[in-house]
N, C-alpha and C. Protein backbone atom coordinates (compact mmCIF):
# COMPACT_ATOMS: atom_id res chain seq x y z
N MET A 1 67.74 -150.13 187.40
CA MET A 1 69.06 -150.83 187.71
C MET A 1 69.48 -151.35 186.48
N ARG A 2 68.53 -152.35 185.75
CA ARG A 2 69.52 -153.02 184.75
C ARG A 2 69.73 -151.90 183.27
N ARG A 3 69.17 -150.77 183.30
CA ARG A 3 69.24 -150.29 181.86
C ARG A 3 70.57 -149.18 182.66
N ALA A 4 70.51 -148.86 183.99
CA ALA A 4 72.08 -148.37 184.19
C ALA A 4 73.34 -149.31 183.86
N ALA A 5 73.02 -150.21 183.96
CA ALA A 5 74.02 -151.39 184.60
C ALA A 5 74.46 -151.66 183.14
N ILE A 6 73.52 -151.42 182.19
CA ILE A 6 73.91 -152.35 180.03
C ILE A 6 74.65 -150.62 180.19
N LEU A 7 73.98 -149.61 180.54
CA LEU A 7 74.72 -148.27 179.72
C LEU A 7 75.81 -148.32 180.78
N LEU A 8 76.08 -148.77 181.46
CA LEU A 8 77.72 -148.49 182.14
C LEU A 8 78.90 -149.40 181.19
N ALA A 9 78.30 -150.81 180.94
CA ALA A 9 78.72 -151.29 180.01
C ALA A 9 78.89 -150.90 178.96
N VAL A 10 77.98 -150.36 178.05
CA VAL A 10 78.19 -149.66 177.05
C VAL A 10 79.50 -148.87 177.18
N LEU A 11 79.16 -148.15 177.98
CA LEU A 11 79.76 -146.65 178.01
C LEU A 11 81.44 -147.16 178.27
N ALA A 12 81.70 -148.15 179.03
CA ALA A 12 82.89 -148.96 179.36
C ALA A 12 83.71 -149.43 178.37
N LEU A 13 82.53 -150.17 177.18
CA LEU A 13 83.32 -150.71 175.84
C LEU A 13 83.92 -149.85 174.96
N LEU A 14 82.89 -148.62 175.24
CA LEU A 14 83.38 -147.32 174.20
C LEU A 14 84.59 -146.64 174.68
N ALA A 15 84.55 -146.84 175.60
CA ALA A 15 85.52 -145.83 176.47
C ALA A 15 86.95 -146.78 176.50
N GLY A 16 87.11 -147.77 176.26
CA GLY A 16 87.81 -148.76 175.78
C GLY A 16 88.70 -148.67 174.57
N CYS A 17 88.29 -147.93 174.03
CA CYS A 17 89.25 -147.45 172.79
C CYS A 17 90.09 -146.34 173.16
N ALA A 18 89.79 -145.53 174.31
CA ALA A 18 90.61 -144.31 175.12
C ALA A 18 91.92 -144.58 175.15
N SER A 19 92.57 -143.70 175.53
CA SER A 19 94.08 -143.63 176.02
C SER A 19 94.37 -144.33 177.29
N ARG A 20 93.25 -144.22 178.29
CA ARG A 20 93.13 -144.69 179.33
C ARG A 20 91.92 -146.14 179.25
N ARG A 21 92.60 -147.71 178.70
CA ARG A 21 91.90 -148.74 178.24
C ARG A 21 90.92 -149.02 179.15
N LEU A 22 89.79 -149.24 179.25
CA LEU A 22 88.93 -149.73 180.45
C LEU A 22 89.43 -151.45 180.37
N VAL A 23 89.37 -151.65 179.57
CA VAL A 23 89.69 -153.20 179.59
C VAL A 23 90.96 -153.57 178.70
N ARG A 24 91.35 -154.50 179.58
CA ARG A 24 93.07 -155.35 178.57
C ARG A 24 92.77 -156.45 179.36
N HIS A 25 93.36 -157.16 178.71
CA HIS A 25 93.56 -158.58 178.28
C HIS A 25 92.37 -158.98 179.19
N GLY A 26 91.28 -158.67 179.01
CA GLY A 26 89.83 -159.34 179.47
C GLY A 26 89.64 -158.55 180.78
N GLN A 27 90.52 -157.99 181.31
CA GLN A 27 90.25 -157.31 183.03
C GLN A 27 89.76 -156.07 182.66
N VAL A 28 88.87 -155.67 183.39
CA VAL A 28 88.67 -154.27 183.64
C VAL A 28 89.30 -153.64 184.71
N ASN A 29 89.80 -152.30 184.27
CA ASN A 29 90.78 -151.38 184.35
C ASN A 29 89.94 -150.18 185.53
N GLU A 30 89.67 -151.08 186.40
CA GLU A 30 89.14 -150.22 187.52
C GLU A 30 89.18 -148.18 187.91
N ASP A 31 90.70 -148.54 188.04
CA ASP A 31 91.17 -146.52 188.14
C ASP A 31 90.51 -146.01 186.76
N ALA A 32 90.68 -146.50 185.28
CA ALA A 32 89.52 -145.83 184.27
C ALA A 32 88.26 -146.28 184.61
N LEU A 33 87.61 -147.23 185.02
CA LEU A 33 86.18 -147.00 185.52
C LEU A 33 86.23 -146.24 186.25
N GLU A 34 86.45 -145.72 186.93
CA GLU A 34 86.42 -144.58 188.22
C GLU A 34 86.52 -143.16 187.07
N THR A 35 87.29 -143.43 186.11
CA THR A 35 86.97 -141.81 185.49
C THR A 35 85.78 -142.05 184.87
N VAL A 36 85.42 -142.84 184.69
CA VAL A 36 83.69 -143.45 183.57
C VAL A 36 82.68 -142.96 184.32
N ARG A 37 82.79 -143.62 186.15
CA ARG A 37 81.85 -143.25 186.89
C ARG A 37 81.87 -141.69 187.26
N ARG A 38 82.68 -141.04 187.33
CA ARG A 38 82.69 -139.80 187.96
C ARG A 38 81.82 -139.22 186.39
N GLY A 39 82.48 -139.05 185.61
CA GLY A 39 81.96 -138.64 184.03
C GLY A 39 80.75 -138.49 183.78
N LEU A 40 80.11 -139.92 184.22
CA LEU A 40 78.55 -140.11 184.63
C LEU A 40 77.36 -139.33 185.14
N VAL A 41 78.27 -139.41 186.29
CA VAL A 41 77.77 -138.53 187.34
C VAL A 41 77.75 -136.87 187.25
N ALA A 42 78.68 -136.44 186.71
CA ALA A 42 78.84 -135.20 185.98
C ALA A 42 77.95 -135.02 184.91
N LEU A 43 77.42 -135.85 184.09
CA LEU A 43 76.92 -135.50 182.95
C LEU A 43 75.73 -135.73 183.37
N ARG A 44 75.41 -136.87 183.88
CA ARG A 44 73.75 -137.05 184.35
C ARG A 44 73.12 -135.90 185.36
N GLY A 45 74.28 -135.16 186.62
CA GLY A 45 74.01 -135.06 187.57
C GLY A 45 73.19 -135.74 188.53
N LEU A 46 73.42 -136.75 188.82
CA LEU A 46 72.95 -137.63 189.69
C LEU A 46 74.05 -138.46 190.03
N GLY A 47 74.13 -139.03 191.54
CA GLY A 47 74.87 -139.64 191.65
C GLY A 47 74.61 -141.36 191.79
N PHE A 48 75.00 -142.39 191.48
CA PHE A 48 74.63 -143.83 192.03
C PHE A 48 74.23 -143.93 193.11
N THR A 49 73.27 -144.40 193.60
CA THR A 49 72.57 -145.20 194.63
C THR A 49 73.15 -146.42 194.79
N THR A 50 73.50 -147.47 194.26
CA THR A 50 74.01 -148.78 194.48
C THR A 50 75.29 -148.84 193.02
N PRO A 51 76.43 -149.78 193.81
CA PRO A 51 77.37 -150.08 192.99
C PRO A 51 76.76 -150.79 191.44
N VAL A 52 77.10 -150.33 190.35
CA VAL A 52 76.58 -151.13 189.04
C VAL A 52 77.61 -152.44 188.92
N PRO A 53 77.44 -153.53 188.63
CA PRO A 53 78.54 -154.20 187.95
C PRO A 53 78.63 -154.35 186.61
N VAL A 54 79.94 -154.30 186.55
CA VAL A 54 80.57 -154.10 185.22
C VAL A 54 81.24 -155.34 184.44
N LEU A 55 81.56 -155.21 184.05
CA LEU A 55 81.73 -156.84 183.05
C LEU A 55 82.61 -156.58 181.76
N ALA A 56 83.34 -157.10 181.32
CA ALA A 56 84.53 -157.03 180.26
C ALA A 56 84.29 -158.39 179.70
N LEU A 57 83.22 -157.85 178.38
CA LEU A 57 82.63 -158.89 177.72
C LEU A 57 83.20 -159.37 176.23
N SER A 58 83.07 -160.40 175.70
CA SER A 58 83.68 -160.42 174.37
C SER A 58 82.77 -159.98 173.44
N ARG A 59 82.73 -159.77 172.19
CA ARG A 59 81.88 -159.66 171.09
C ARG A 59 80.58 -160.06 171.09
N ASP A 60 80.85 -161.83 171.24
CA ASP A 60 79.28 -162.51 171.65
C ASP A 60 78.47 -162.51 173.06
N GLY A 61 79.61 -161.88 173.65
CA GLY A 61 78.84 -161.44 175.16
C GLY A 61 78.32 -160.36 175.03
N LEU A 62 78.60 -159.63 174.24
CA LEU A 62 77.83 -158.25 174.29
C LEU A 62 76.20 -159.01 172.98
N GLY A 63 77.08 -159.36 172.29
CA GLY A 63 75.46 -159.73 171.30
C GLY A 63 74.62 -160.70 172.17
N ALA A 64 74.78 -161.41 172.73
CA ALA A 64 74.09 -162.07 174.05
C ALA A 64 73.28 -161.08 174.73
N VAL A 65 74.17 -160.18 175.26
CA VAL A 65 73.14 -159.12 176.06
C VAL A 65 72.64 -158.06 175.55
N VAL A 66 72.75 -157.78 174.08
CA VAL A 66 72.26 -156.94 173.69
C VAL A 66 70.52 -157.87 173.17
N LYS A 67 70.55 -159.19 172.77
CA LYS A 67 69.49 -159.85 172.00
C LYS A 67 68.48 -159.83 173.38
N GLU A 68 69.24 -160.07 174.58
CA GLU A 68 68.02 -160.47 175.86
C GLU A 68 67.45 -158.81 176.46
N GLU A 69 68.41 -158.03 176.16
CA GLU A 69 67.73 -156.95 176.45
C GLU A 69 66.74 -156.29 175.48
N ILE A 70 67.04 -156.41 174.28
CA ILE A 70 65.78 -156.11 173.34
C ILE A 70 64.41 -157.04 173.61
N GLU A 71 64.78 -158.33 173.74
CA GLU A 71 63.85 -159.13 174.66
C GLU A 71 62.60 -158.72 175.58
N GLN A 72 63.28 -158.36 176.36
CA GLN A 72 63.07 -157.45 177.44
C GLN A 72 62.40 -156.28 177.45
N SER A 73 62.91 -155.79 176.40
CA SER A 73 62.12 -154.25 176.39
C SER A 73 61.23 -153.84 175.34
N TYR A 74 60.88 -155.17 174.41
CA TYR A 74 59.79 -154.98 173.47
C TYR A 74 58.50 -156.34 173.97
N ALA A 75 57.41 -155.78 173.79
CA ALA A 75 56.16 -156.85 174.13
C ALA A 75 56.65 -157.93 172.29
N PRO A 76 56.13 -159.13 173.03
CA PRO A 76 55.94 -160.17 171.58
C PRO A 76 55.46 -159.55 170.61
N GLY A 77 55.94 -159.50 169.35
CA GLY A 77 55.24 -158.49 168.25
C GLY A 77 55.47 -157.34 167.83
N ASP A 78 56.01 -156.36 168.85
CA ASP A 78 55.78 -155.06 168.69
C ASP A 78 57.01 -154.43 167.85
N ILE A 79 58.17 -155.54 167.57
CA ILE A 79 59.18 -155.26 166.38
C ILE A 79 58.60 -155.29 165.21
N GLU A 80 58.21 -156.66 165.21
CA GLU A 80 57.55 -156.92 163.88
C GLU A 80 56.25 -155.95 163.74
N HIS A 81 55.70 -155.54 164.38
CA HIS A 81 54.51 -154.38 164.14
C HIS A 81 55.43 -153.14 163.54
N ALA A 82 56.36 -152.65 164.48
CA ALA A 82 57.58 -151.48 164.18
C ALA A 82 57.52 -151.59 162.85
N GLU A 83 58.45 -152.51 162.52
CA GLU A 83 58.64 -152.92 161.48
C GLU A 83 57.94 -152.66 160.12
N GLY A 84 56.76 -153.08 160.11
CA GLY A 84 55.59 -153.21 159.08
C GLY A 84 55.08 -151.65 159.27
N VAL A 85 54.86 -150.69 160.27
CA VAL A 85 54.61 -149.43 160.01
C VAL A 85 56.05 -148.48 159.37
N TYR A 86 57.23 -149.02 159.85
CA TYR A 86 58.08 -148.09 159.23
C TYR A 86 58.47 -148.08 157.85
N THR A 87 57.78 -149.78 157.34
CA THR A 87 58.07 -150.04 155.60
C THR A 87 56.85 -149.34 155.20
N ARG A 88 55.56 -149.06 155.14
CA ARG A 88 54.90 -148.44 154.82
C ARG A 88 55.00 -147.15 154.85
N LEU A 89 55.48 -146.39 155.74
CA LEU A 89 55.97 -144.94 155.95
C LEU A 89 57.04 -144.68 155.03
N GLY A 90 57.51 -145.68 154.48
CA GLY A 90 58.85 -145.57 153.68
C GLY A 90 60.38 -145.46 154.54
N LEU A 91 60.23 -145.41 155.77
CA LEU A 91 61.22 -145.54 156.91
C LEU A 91 62.16 -146.61 156.58
N LEU A 92 61.82 -147.78 156.20
CA LEU A 92 62.51 -149.11 156.09
C LEU A 92 62.33 -149.87 154.67
N PRO A 93 63.42 -149.49 154.03
CA PRO A 93 63.21 -150.79 152.32
C PRO A 93 62.37 -151.99 152.90
N PRO A 94 61.61 -152.32 151.98
CA PRO A 94 60.71 -153.30 151.80
C PRO A 94 61.38 -155.00 152.45
N GLY A 95 61.25 -155.66 153.23
CA GLY A 95 61.68 -156.72 153.36
C GLY A 95 63.13 -156.78 154.28
N THR A 96 63.47 -155.31 154.78
CA THR A 96 64.34 -154.91 156.00
C THR A 96 63.91 -155.53 157.42
N LYS A 97 64.08 -156.43 157.90
CA LYS A 97 64.30 -156.98 159.46
C LYS A 97 64.38 -156.06 160.19
N LEU A 98 63.51 -155.79 160.92
CA LEU A 98 63.98 -154.68 162.21
C LEU A 98 64.63 -155.14 163.14
N ARG A 99 64.50 -156.29 163.72
CA ARG A 99 65.20 -157.10 164.93
C ARG A 99 66.98 -157.21 164.83
N PRO A 100 67.55 -158.01 163.49
CA PRO A 100 68.89 -157.84 163.06
C PRO A 100 69.20 -156.40 163.09
N ALA A 101 68.71 -155.51 162.56
CA ALA A 101 69.18 -154.48 162.33
C ALA A 101 69.07 -153.93 163.60
N LEU A 102 68.12 -153.76 164.98
CA LEU A 102 68.38 -153.05 165.96
C LEU A 102 69.66 -153.73 166.76
N GLU A 103 69.90 -155.02 166.74
CA GLU A 103 70.86 -155.88 167.16
C GLU A 103 72.35 -155.42 167.05
N GLY A 104 72.27 -155.35 165.71
CA GLY A 104 73.69 -154.86 165.03
C GLY A 104 73.84 -153.31 165.56
N LEU A 105 72.98 -152.61 165.50
CA LEU A 105 73.27 -150.96 166.01
C LEU A 105 73.83 -151.23 167.32
N TYR A 106 73.23 -151.85 168.39
CA TYR A 106 73.09 -151.98 169.36
C TYR A 106 74.64 -152.33 170.04
N GLN A 107 75.24 -153.36 169.27
CA GLN A 107 76.55 -154.16 168.88
C GLN A 107 77.59 -153.41 168.75
N GLN A 108 77.23 -152.60 167.52
CA GLN A 108 78.02 -151.64 167.28
C GLN A 108 78.24 -150.58 167.97
N GLU A 109 77.59 -150.18 168.71
CA GLU A 109 77.90 -148.86 169.91
C GLU A 109 78.52 -149.39 170.88
N GLY A 110 78.73 -150.97 171.27
CA GLY A 110 78.94 -151.31 172.65
C GLY A 110 80.62 -151.96 171.96
N ALA A 111 80.97 -151.51 170.41
CA ALA A 111 81.81 -153.08 170.33
C ALA A 111 83.12 -151.37 170.39
């Protein structure tokens, strides 16, 4: 349920750049949101079983949600372990911190 809410929030933010803006003056445009919901149902082939809350987030608010989601998605030490493995495999340049890179990537997707 939490991932669905975050997915819907991110999609809502992304769709906010479209001609039918989802967020105007800090308020969610319910008509445009319904278009996103219908599109998600068609894309996934699954209907929503419960209403998914939608929030209009500021950039700082989105950053806080992203940080919280990363904290809940990874066990303590997992990101740092992956960082070391990726560096040894040459997938990350030495000294690159994976946590801020993930946070930045997820924030850009939602902005």
